[in-house]
PDB file of N, CA and C in Angstrom:
ATOM      1  N   MET A   1      15.663 -12.007  80.183  1.00  0.00           N
ATOM      2  CA  MET A   1      14.623 -11.478  79.628  1.00  0.00           C
ATOM      3  C   MET A   1      15.072 -11.191  77.910  1.00  0.00           C
ATOM      4  N   SER A   2      14.226 -11.624  77.192  1.00  0.00           N
ATOM      5  CA  SER A   2      14.427 -11.604  75.730  1.00  0.00           C
ATOM      6  C   SER A   2      14.395 -10.237  75.010  1.00  0.00           C
ATOM      7  N   ALA A   3      14.952  -9.782  74.333  1.00  0.00           N
ATOM      8  CA  ALA A   3      15.031  -8.424  73.416  1.00  0.00           C
ATOM      9  C   ALA A   3      14.749  -8.818  72.189  1.00  0.00           C
ATOM     10  N   TYR A   4      14.159  -7.851  71.473  1.00  0.00           N
ATOM     11  CA  TYR A   4      13.798  -7.852  69.912  1.00  0.00           C
ATOM     12  C   TYR A   4      14.420  -6.605  69.213  1.00  0.00           C
ATOM     13  N   VAL A   5      14.699  -6.826  68.170  1.00  0.00           N
ATOM     14  CA  VAL A   5      15.091  -5.791  67.131  1.00  0.00           C
ATOM     15  C   VAL A   5      14.185  -5.720  65.935  1.00  0.00           C
ATOM     16  N   LEU A   6      13.746  -4.591  66.080  1.00  0.00           N
ATOM     17  CA  LEU A   6      12.618  -4.328  65.141  1.00  0.00           C
ATOM     18  C   LEU A   6      13.146  -3.408  64.020  1.00  0.00           C
ATOM     19  N   VAL A   7      12.841  -3.674  62.805  1.00  0.00           N
ATOM     20  CA  VAL A   7      13.069  -3.166  61.695  1.00  0.00           C
ATOM     21  C   VAL A   7      12.113  -2.736  60.510  1.00  0.00           C
ATOM     22  N   ASN A   8      11.730  -1.388  60.398  1.00  0.00           N
ATOM     23  CA  ASN A   8      10.663  -0.976  59.829  1.00  0.00           C
ATOM     24  C   ASN A   8      11.335  -0.466  58.098  1.00  0.00           C
ATOM     25  N   VAL A   9      11.269  -1.337  57.076  1.00  0.00           N
ATOM     26  CA  VAL A   9      11.980  -0.938  55.955  1.00  0.00           C
ATOM     27  C   VAL A   9      10.859  -0.354  55.158  1.00  0.00           C
ATOM     28  N   ARG A  10      11.504   1.272  54.912  1.00  0.00           N
ATOM     29  CA  ARG A  10      10.340   2.099  54.257  1.00  0.00           C
ATOM     30  C   ARG A  10      10.627   1.798  52.496  1.00  0.00           C
ATOM     31  N   SER A  11      11.851   1.423  52.209  1.00  0.00           N
ATOM     32  CA  SER A  11      12.130   1.363  51.001  1.00  0.00           C
ATOM     33  C   SER A  11      13.382   0.655  50.797  1.00  0.00           C
ATOM     34  N   PHE A  12      13.774   0.066  49.621  1.00  0.00           N
ATOM     35  CA  PHE A  12      15.206  -0.275  49.548  1.00  0.00           C
ATOM     36  C   PHE A  12      15.304  -0.511  47.984  1.00  0.00           C
ATOM     37  N   ASP A  13      16.421  -0.577  47.595  1.00  0.00           N
ATOM     38  CA  ASP A  13      16.666  -0.524  46.021  1.00  0.00           C
ATOM     39  C   ASP A  13      17.354  -2.115  45.531  1.00  0.00           C
ATOM     40  N   ASP A  14      17.520  -2.266  44.671  1.00  0.00           N
ATOM     41  CA  ASP A  14      17.885  -3.917  44.020  1.00  0.00           C
ATOM     42  C   ASP A  14      19.627  -3.538  43.456  1.00  0.00           C
ATOM     43  N   SER A  15      20.043  -2.676  44.393  1.00  0.00           N
ATOM     44  CA  SER A  15      21.695  -2.572  44.002  1.00  0.00           C
ATOM     45  C   SER A  15      22.435  -3.844  44.509  1.00  0.00           C
ATOM     46  N   ASP A  16      23.473  -3.920  44.003  1.00  0.00           N
ATOM     47  CA  ASP A  16      24.847  -4.818  44.270  1.00  0.00           C
ATOM     48  C   ASP A  16      24.932  -4.575  45.844  1.00  0.00           C
ATOM     49  N   GLY A  17      25.326  -3.612  46.390  1.00  0.00           N
ATOM     50  CA  GLY A  17      25.241  -3.573  47.796  1.00  0.00           C
ATOM     51  C   GLY A  17      24.134  -3.860  48.535  1.00  0.00           C
ATOM     52  N   MET A  18      23.166  -3.709  48.548  1.00  0.00           N
ATOM     53  CA  MET A  18      21.837  -4.358  48.934  1.00  0.00           C
ATOM     54  C   MET A  18      21.763  -5.987  48.743  1.00  0.00           C
ATOM     55  N   LYS A  19      22.009  -6.378  47.925  1.00  0.00           N
ATOM     56  CA  LYS A  19      22.083  -7.638  47.554  1.00  0.00           C
ATOM     57  C   LYS A  19      23.196  -8.173  48.581  1.00  0.00           C
ATOM     58  N   ARG A  20      24.533  -7.669  48.641  1.00  0.00           N
ATOM     59  CA  ARG A  20      25.490  -8.373  49.474  1.00  0.00           C
ATOM     60  C   ARG A  20      25.014  -7.895  50.876  1.00  0.00           C
ATOM     61  N   TYR A  21      24.522  -7.488  51.423  1.00  0.00           N
ATOM     62  CA  TYR A  21      23.945  -6.863  52.726  1.00  0.00           C
ATOM     63  C   TYR A  21      22.833  -7.637  53.123  1.00  0.00           C
ATOM     64  N   SER A  22      22.043  -8.319  52.094  1.00  0.00           N
ATOM     65  CA  SER A  22      21.098  -9.264  52.195  1.00  0.00           C
ATOM     66  C   SER A  22      21.937 -10.778  52.462  1.00  0.00           C
ATOM     67  N   ALA A  23      22.654 -11.095  51.876  1.00  0.00           N
ATOM     68  CA  ALA A  23      23.360 -12.473  51.862  1.00  0.00           C
ATOM     69  C   ALA A  23      24.558 -12.312  53.249  1.00  0.00           C
ATOM     70  N   THR A  24      24.705 -10.967  53.785  1.00  0.00           N
ATOM     71  CA  THR A  24      25.727 -11.159  54.953  1.00  0.00           C
ATOM     72  C   THR A  24      25.048 -10.942  55.823  1.00  0.00           C
ATOM     73  N   PHE A  25      24.232 -10.174  56.038  1.00  0.00           N
ATOM     74  CA  PHE A  25      23.490  -9.926  57.462  1.00  0.00           C
ATOM     75  C   PHE A  25      23.292 -10.894  58.557  1.00  0.00           C
ATOM     76  N   PRO A  26      22.345 -12.064  57.705  1.00  0.00           N
ATOM     77  CA  PRO A  26      22.077 -13.380  58.572  1.00  0.00           C
ATOM     78  C   PRO A  26      22.993 -13.946  59.209  1.00  0.00           C
ATOM     79  N   ALA A  27      24.398 -14.056  58.840  1.00  0.00           N
ATOM     80  CA  ALA A  27      25.407 -14.735  59.386  1.00  0.00           C
ATOM     81  C   ALA A  27      25.986 -13.845  60.902  1.00  0.00           C
ATOM     82  N   THR A  28      25.450 -12.594  60.928  1.00  0.00           N
ATOM     83  CA  THR A  28      25.981 -12.032  61.828  1.00  0.00           C
ATOM     84  C   THR A  28      25.553 -12.187  63.075  1.00  0.00           C
ATOM     85  N   LEU A  29      24.327 -12.861  63.242  1.00  0.00           N
ATOM     86  CA  LEU A  29      23.189 -12.929  64.274  1.00  0.00           C
ATOM     87  C   LEU A  29      23.557 -14.092  65.021  1.00  0.00           C
ATOM     88  N   GLU A  30      24.128 -15.009  64.661  1.00  0.00           N
ATOM     89  CA  GLU A  30      24.621 -16.403  65.582  1.00  0.00           C
ATOM     90  C   GLU A  30      24.985 -16.399  66.563  1.00  0.00           C
ATOM     91  N   ALA A  31      26.381 -15.725  66.665  1.00  0.00           N
ATOM     92  CA  ALA A  31      27.348 -15.700  67.493  1.00  0.00           C
ATOM     93  C   ALA A  31      26.904 -14.713  69.084  1.00  0.00           C
ATOM     94  N   TYR A  32      25.890 -14.212  68.751  1.00  0.00           N
ATOM     95  CA  TYR A  32      25.348 -13.298  69.601  1.00  0.00           C
ATOM     96  C   TYR A  32      23.685 -14.009  70.439  1.00  0.00           C
ATOM     97  N   GLY A  33      23.526 -14.973  69.654  1.00  0.00           N
ATOM     98  CA  GLY A  33      22.026 -15.690  69.977  1.00  0.00           C
ATOM     99  C   GLY A  33      20.825 -15.260  69.187  1.00  0.00           C
ATOM    100  N   GLY A  34      20.918 -14.425  67.994  1.00  0.00           N
ATOM    101  CA  GLY A  34      19.869 -14.027  67.530  1.00  0.00           C
ATOM    102  C   GLY A  34      19.381 -15.000  66.644  1.00  0.00           C
ATOM    103  N   ARG A  35      17.658 -14.616  65.966  1.00  0.00           N
ATOM    104  CA  ARG A  35      17.226 -15.516  65.184  1.00  0.00           C
ATOM    105  C   ARG A  35      16.174 -14.888  64.930  1.00  0.00           C
ATOM    106  N   PHE A  36      16.053 -14.838  63.639  1.00  0.00           N
ATOM    107  CA  PHE A  36      14.828 -14.242  62.980  1.00  0.00           C
ATOM    108  C   PHE A  36      13.319 -14.733  63.633  1.00  0.00           C
ATOM    109  N   VAL A  37      12.712 -13.844  63.687  1.00  0.00           N
ATOM    110  CA  VAL A  37      11.251 -14.065  64.096  1.00  0.00           C
ATOM    111  C   VAL A  37      10.276 -13.677  62.799  1.00  0.00           C
ATOM    112  N   ILE A  38      10.492 -12.690  62.302  1.00  0.00           N
ATOM    113  CA  ILE A  38       9.698 -12.232  61.349  1.00  0.00           C
ATOM    114  C   ILE A  38      10.820 -11.597  60.278  1.00  0.00           C
ATOM    115  N   ARG A  39      11.036 -12.082  58.633  1.00  0.00           N
ATOM    116  CA  ARG A  39      11.279 -11.657  58.101  1.00  0.00           C
ATOM    117  C   ARG A  39      10.825 -11.233  56.532  1.00  0.00           C
ATOM    118  N   GLY A  40      10.069 -10.044  56.478  1.00  0.00           N
ATOM    119  CA  GLY A  40       9.309  -9.881  55.204  1.00  0.00           C
ATOM    120  C   GLY A  40       8.026 -10.414  55.354  1.00  0.00           C
ATOM    121  N   GLY A  41       7.373 -10.673  54.288  1.00  0.00           N
ATOM    122  CA  GLY A  41       6.243 -11.297  54.489  1.00  0.00           C
ATOM    123  C   GLY A  41       5.059 -10.234  53.871  1.00  0.00           C
ATOM    124  N   ASP A  42       3.940 -10.987  53.833  1.00  0.00           N
ATOM    125  CA  ASP A  42       2.402  -9.657  53.661  1.00  0.00           C
ATOM    126  C   ASP A  42       2.181  -9.012  55.014  1.00  0.00           C
ATOM    127  N   ILE A  43       2.323  -7.714  54.884  1.00  0.00           N
ATOM    128  CA  ILE A  43       2.040  -6.635  55.908  1.00  0.00           C
ATOM    129  C   ILE A  43       0.313  -6.420  55.230  1.00  0.00           C
ATOM    130  N   GLU A  44      -0.279  -6.601  56.542  1.00  0.00           N
ATOM    131  CA  GLU A  44      -1.661  -6.294  56.532  1.00  0.00           C
ATOM    132  C   GLU A  44      -1.974  -4.901  57.732  1.00  0.00           C
ATOM    133  N   ALA A  45      -2.201  -3.726  57.110  1.00  0.00           N
ATOM    134  CA  ALA A  45      -2.476  -2.740  58.353  1.00  0.00           C
ATOM    135  C   ALA A  45      -3.816  -2.572  58.465  1.00  0.00           C
ATOM    136  N   ARG A  46      -4.116  -2.966  59.849  1.00  0.00           N
ATOM    137  CA  ARG A  46      -5.661  -2.951  60.524  1.00  0.00           C
ATOM    138  C   ARG A  46      -5.798  -1.531  60.860  1.00  0.00           C
ATOM    139  N   GLU A  47      -4.685  -0.902  61.811  1.00  0.00           N
ATOM    140  CA  GLU A  47      -5.346   0.362  62.635  1.00  0.00           C
ATOM    141  C   GLU A  47      -3.994   1.156  62.589  1.00  0.00           C
ATOM    142  N   GLY A  48      -4.581   2.554  62.400  1.00  0.00           N
ATOM    143  CA  GLY A  48      -3.445   3.059  62.382  1.00  0.00           C
ATOM    144  C   GLY A  48      -2.855   3.453  60.767  1.00  0.00           C
ATOM    145  N   GLY A  49      -1.534   3.730  60.470  1.00  0.00           N
ATOM    146  CA  GLY A  49      -1.076   3.786  59.305  1.00  0.00           C
ATOM    147  C   GLY A  49       0.344   2.950  59.442  1.00  0.00           C
ATOM    148  N   TRP A  50       0.670   2.637  58.401  1.00  0.00           N
ATOM    149  CA  TRP A  50       2.111   1.759  58.354  1.00  0.00           C
ATOM    150  C   TRP A  50       2.692   2.551  57.056  1.00  0.00           C
ATOM    151  N   ASP A  51       4.171   2.770  57.278  1.00  0.00           N
ATOM    152  CA  ASP A  51       4.554   3.111  55.910  1.00  0.00           C
ATOM    153  C   ASP A  51       6.119   2.367  55.700  1.00  0.00           C
ATOM    154  N   GLY A  52       5.713   1.177  56.244  1.00  0.00           N
ATOM    155  CA  GLY A  52       6.989   0.123  55.414  1.00  0.00           C
ATOM    156  C   GLY A  52       6.525  -0.620  54.346  1.00  0.00           C
ATOM    157  N   THR A  53       7.583  -1.177  53.990  1.00  0.00           N
ATOM    158  CA  THR A  53       7.411  -2.185  52.772  1.00  0.00           C
ATOM    159  C   THR A  53       7.691  -3.576  53.175  1.00  0.00           C
ATOM    160  N   TRP A  54       8.486  -3.813  54.287  1.00  0.00           N
ATOM    161  CA  TRP A  54       9.321  -4.755  54.621  1.00  0.00           C
ATOM    162  C   TRP A  54       9.364  -4.880  56.196  1.00  0.00           C
ATOM    163  N   LEU A  55       9.173  -5.795  56.802  1.00  0.00           N
ATOM    164  CA  LEU A  55       9.386  -5.906  58.359  1.00  0.00           C
ATOM    165  C   LEU A  55      10.442  -6.876  58.821  1.00  0.00           C
ATOM    166  N   VAL A  56      11.013  -6.523  59.667  1.00  0.00           N
ATOM    167  CA  VAL A  56      11.827  -7.772  60.293  1.00  0.00           C
ATOM    168  C   VAL A  56      12.037  -7.371  61.617  1.00  0.00           C
ATOM    169  N   VAL A  57      11.805  -8.802  62.158  1.00  0.00           N
ATOM    170  CA  VAL A  57      11.995  -8.769  64.090  1.00  0.00           C
ATOM    171  C   VAL A  57      12.950  -9.959  64.226  1.00  0.00           C
ATOM    172  N   ILE A  58      13.876  -9.749  65.092  1.00  0.00           N
ATOM    173  CA  ILE A  58      14.794 -10.590  65.342  1.00  0.00           C
ATOM    174  C   ILE A  58      15.098 -10.627  66.813  1.00  0.00           C
ATOM    175  N   GLU A  59      14.895 -11.658  67.567  1.00  0.00           N
ATOM    176  CA  GLU A  59      14.911 -11.933  68.767  1.00  0.00           C
ATOM    177  C   GLU A  59      16.260 -12.561  69.648  1.00  0.00           C
ATOM    178  N   PHE A  60      16.617 -12.016  70.490  1.00  0.00           N
ATOM    179  CA  PHE A  60      17.985 -12.430  71.147  1.00  0.00           C
ATOM    180  C   PHE A  60      17.928 -12.689  72.173  1.00  0.00           C
ATOM    181  N   PRO A  61      18.487 -13.437  73.312  1.00  0.00           N
ATOM    182  CA  PRO A  61      18.420 -13.927  74.317  1.00  0.00           C
ATOM    183  C   PRO A  61      17.977 -12.623  75.454  1.00  0.00           C
ATOM    184  N   SER A  62      18.793 -11.757  75.083  1.00  0.00           N
ATOM    185  CA  SER A  62      18.957 -10.573  76.243  1.00  0.00           C
ATOM    186  C   SER A  62      19.153  -9.207  75.466  1.00  0.00           C
ATOM    187  N   MET A  63      18.903  -7.949  76.198  1.00  0.00           N
ATOM    188  CA  MET A  63      19.105  -6.701  75.492  1.00  0.00           C
ATOM    189  C   MET A  63      20.576  -6.584  75.404  1.00  0.00           C
ATOM    190  N   SER A  64      21.169  -7.109  76.351  1.00  0.00           N
ATOM    191  CA  SER A  64      22.788  -6.947  76.253  1.00  0.00           C
ATOM    192  C   SER A  64      23.476  -7.610  74.850  1.00  0.00           C
ATOM    193  N   GLN A  65      22.943  -8.972  74.579  1.00  0.00           N
ATOM    194  CA  GLN A  65      23.019  -9.517  73.289  1.00  0.00           C
ATOM    195  C   GLN A  65      22.761  -9.166  72.302  1.00  0.00           C
ATOM    196  N   ALA A  66      21.739  -8.259  72.177  1.00  0.00           N
ATOM    197  CA  ALA A  66      21.038  -7.437  71.056  1.00  0.00           C
ATOM    198  C   ALA A  66      21.896  -6.041  70.691  1.00  0.00           C
ATOM    199  N   ARG A  67      22.502  -5.560  72.009  1.00  0.00           N
ATOM    200  CA  ARG A  67      23.229  -4.446  71.881  1.00  0.00           C
ATOM    201  C   ARG A  67      24.588  -4.851  71.286  1.00  0.00           C
ATOM    202  N   GLN A  68      25.180  -6.203  71.653  1.00  0.00           N
ATOM    203  CA  GLN A  68      26.331  -6.505  71.040  1.00  0.00           C
ATOM    204  C   GLN A  68      26.639  -6.792  69.966  1.00  0.00           C
ATOM    205  N   TRP A  69      25.307  -7.139  69.426  1.00  0.00           N
ATOM    206  CA  TRP A  69      25.559  -7.794  68.221  1.00  0.00           C
ATOM    207  C   TRP A  69      25.220  -6.458  67.036  1.00  0.00           C
ATOM    208  N   TYR A  70      24.360  -5.548  67.596  1.00  0.00           N
ATOM    209  CA  TYR A  70      24.504  -4.028  66.806  1.00  0.00           C
ATOM    210  C   TYR A  70      25.420  -3.427  66.648  1.00  0.00           C
ATOM    211  N   GLU A  71      26.681  -3.663  67.758  1.00  0.00           N
ATOM    212  CA  GLU A  71      27.323  -2.464  67.746  1.00  0.00           C
ATOM    213  C   GLU A  71      28.735  -3.536  67.445  1.00  0.00           C
ATOM    214  N   SER A  72      28.647  -4.716  66.925  1.00  0.00           N
ATOM    215  CA  SER A  72      29.537  -5.567  66.546  1.00  0.00           C
ATOM    216  C   SER A  72      30.669  -5.290  65.167  1.00  0.00           C
ATOM    217  N   PRO A  73      31.705  -5.871  65.239  1.00  0.00           N
ATOM    218  CA  PRO A  73      32.312  -5.282  63.953  1.00  0.00           C
ATOM    219  C   PRO A  73      31.771  -6.123  62.439  1.00  0.00           C
ATOM    220  N   GLU A  74      30.890  -7.211  62.982  1.00  0.00           N
ATOM    221  CA  GLU A  74      30.598  -8.112  61.783  1.00  0.00           C
ATOM    222  C   GLU A  74      29.228  -7.588  61.264  1.00  0.00           C
ATOM    223  N   TYR A  75      28.452  -6.854  62.245  1.00  0.00           N
ATOM    224  CA  TYR A  75      27.332  -6.285  61.950  1.00  0.00           C
ATOM    225  C   TYR A  75      27.395  -5.004  61.166  1.00  0.00           C
ATOM    226  N   ARG A  76      28.582  -3.983  61.952  1.00  0.00           N
ATOM    227  CA  ARG A  76      28.712  -2.663  61.382  1.00  0.00           C
ATOM    228  C   ARG A  76      29.578  -2.889  59.999  1.00  0.00           C
ATOM    229  N   ARG A  77      29.929  -3.987  59.539  1.00  0.00           N
ATOM    230  CA  ARG A  77      30.567  -4.356  58.087  1.00  0.00           C
ATOM    231  C   ARG A  77      29.444  -4.523  57.331  1.00  0.00           C
ATOM    232  N   ALA A  78      28.756  -5.270  57.667  1.00  0.00           N
ATOM    233  CA  ALA A  78      27.146  -5.603  57.056  1.00  0.00           C
ATOM    234  C   ALA A  78      26.361  -4.427  56.603  1.00  0.00           C
ATOM    235  N   ALA A  79      26.261  -3.758  57.777  1.00  0.00           N
ATOM    236  CA  ALA A  79      25.188  -2.345  57.782  1.00  0.00           C
ATOM    237  C   ALA A  79      25.926  -1.290  56.687  1.00  0.00           C
ATOM    238  N   ALA A  80      27.507  -1.321  56.574  1.00  0.00           N
ATOM    239  CA  ALA A  80      27.746  -0.608  55.715  1.00  0.00           C
ATOM    240  C   ALA A  80      27.680  -0.660  54.073  1.00  0.00           C
ATOM    241  N   LEU A  81      27.367  -2.230  54.145  1.00  0.00           N
ATOM    242  CA  LEU A  81      27.126  -2.371  52.678  1.00  0.00           C
ATOM    243  C   LEU A  81      25.656  -1.623  51.996  1.00  0.00           C
ATOM    244  N   ARG A  82      24.711  -1.550  53.287  1.00  0.00           N
ATOM    245  CA  ARG A  82      23.273  -1.122  52.941  1.00  0.00           C
ATOM    246  C   ARG A  82      23.401   0.380  52.725  1.00  0.00           C
ATOM    247  N   GLU A  83      23.872   1.004  53.553  1.00  0.00           N
ATOM    248  CA  GLU A  83      23.980   2.593  53.458  1.00  0.00           C
ATOM    249  C   GLU A  83      23.732   3.203  52.121  1.00  0.00           C
ATOM    250  N   GLY A  84      22.890   3.906  51.965  1.00  0.00           N
ATOM    251  CA  GLY A  84      22.509   4.721  50.701  1.00  0.00           C
ATOM    252  C   GLY A  84      21.489   3.978  50.082  1.00  0.00           C
ATOM    253  N   HIS A  85      21.261   2.861  50.336  1.00  0.00           N
ATOM    254  CA  HIS A  85      20.500   1.536  49.561  1.00  0.00           C
ATOM    255  C   HIS A  85      18.971   1.337  50.159  1.00  0.00           C
ATOM    256  N   ALA A  86      19.025   1.887  51.520  1.00  0.00           N
ATOM    257  CA  ALA A  86      17.641   1.634  52.240  1.00  0.00           C
ATOM    258  C   ALA A  86      17.232   2.632  53.098  1.00  0.00           C
ATOM    259  N   ASP A  87      15.861   2.932  53.416  1.00  0.00           N
ATOM    260  CA  ASP A  87      15.257   4.287  54.444  1.00  0.00           C
ATOM    261  C   ASP A  87      14.689   3.079  55.430  1.00  0.00           C
ATOM    262  N   LEU A  88      14.760   3.160  56.499  1.00  0.00           N
ATOM    263  CA  LEU A  88      14.410   2.195  57.132  1.00  0.00           C
ATOM    264  C   LEU A  88      14.490   2.861  58.711  1.00  0.00           C
ATOM    265  N   ASP A  89      13.782   2.029  59.870  1.00  0.00           N
ATOM    266  CA  ASP A  89      13.936   2.548  61.104  1.00  0.00           C
ATOM    267  C   ASP A  89      14.525   0.986  62.020  1.00  0.00           C
ATOM    268  N   LEU A  90      15.682   1.195  62.768  1.00  0.00           N
ATOM    269  CA  LEU A  90      15.926   0.042  63.710  1.00  0.00           C
ATOM    270  C   LEU A  90      15.649   0.363  65.004  1.00  0.00           C
ATOM    271  N   VAL A  91      15.003  -0.441  65.828  1.00  0.00           N
ATOM    272  CA  VAL A  91      14.881  -0.449  67.397  1.00  0.00           C
ATOM    273  C   VAL A  91      15.108  -1.651  68.121  1.00  0.00           C
ATOM    274  N   ILE A  92      15.589  -1.263  69.369  1.00  0.00           N
ATOM    275  CA  ILE A  92      16.136  -2.706  70.069  1.00  0.00           C
ATOM    276  C   ILE A  92      15.185  -2.374  71.399  1.00  0.00           C
ATOM    277  N   VAL A  93      14.337  -3.736  71.639  1.00  0.00           N
ATOM    278  CA  VAL A  93      13.104  -3.229  72.551  1.00  0.00           C
ATOM    279  C   VAL A  93      13.495  -4.635  73.852  1.00  0.00           C
ATOM    280  N   ASP A  94      13.089  -4.088  74.798  1.00  0.00           N
ATOM    281  CA  ASP A  94      12.918  -5.333  75.752  1.00  0.00           C
ATOM    282  C   ASP A  94      11.842  -5.925  75.765  1.00  0.00           C
ATOM    283  N   GLY A  95      11.983  -7.420  75.845  1.00  0.00           N
ATOM    284  CA  GLY A  95      10.760  -8.252  75.801  1.00  0.00           C
ATOM    285  C   GLY A  95      10.333  -8.477  76.861  1.00  0.00           C
ATOM    286  N   LEU A  96       9.045  -9.536  77.208  1.00  0.00           N
ATOM    287  CA  LEU A  96       8.503  -9.953  78.619  1.00  0.00           C
ATOM    288  C   LEU A  96       9.256 -10.905  79.319  1.00  0.00           C
TER     289      LEU A  96
END
């Protein structure tokens, strides 16, 4: 069963750390079978509120692989570059 990583980015800066994160982060997905479904684009809130400026959805073959990616040394190194440069929520969700 597929699993999805949903990232609601409320804000981010244009720092070198954030630029390095954006350049490094995609390469961490491949080894765990991850692929982008959504990476940014226009957001049009139709019901309720939306406090994000950027949405990312990543699909993995399984919840286990999504967890392994999130806990991987490769992703943890990339995520450290982002610290202090972005305000976001990240969740892992089982698919259908």
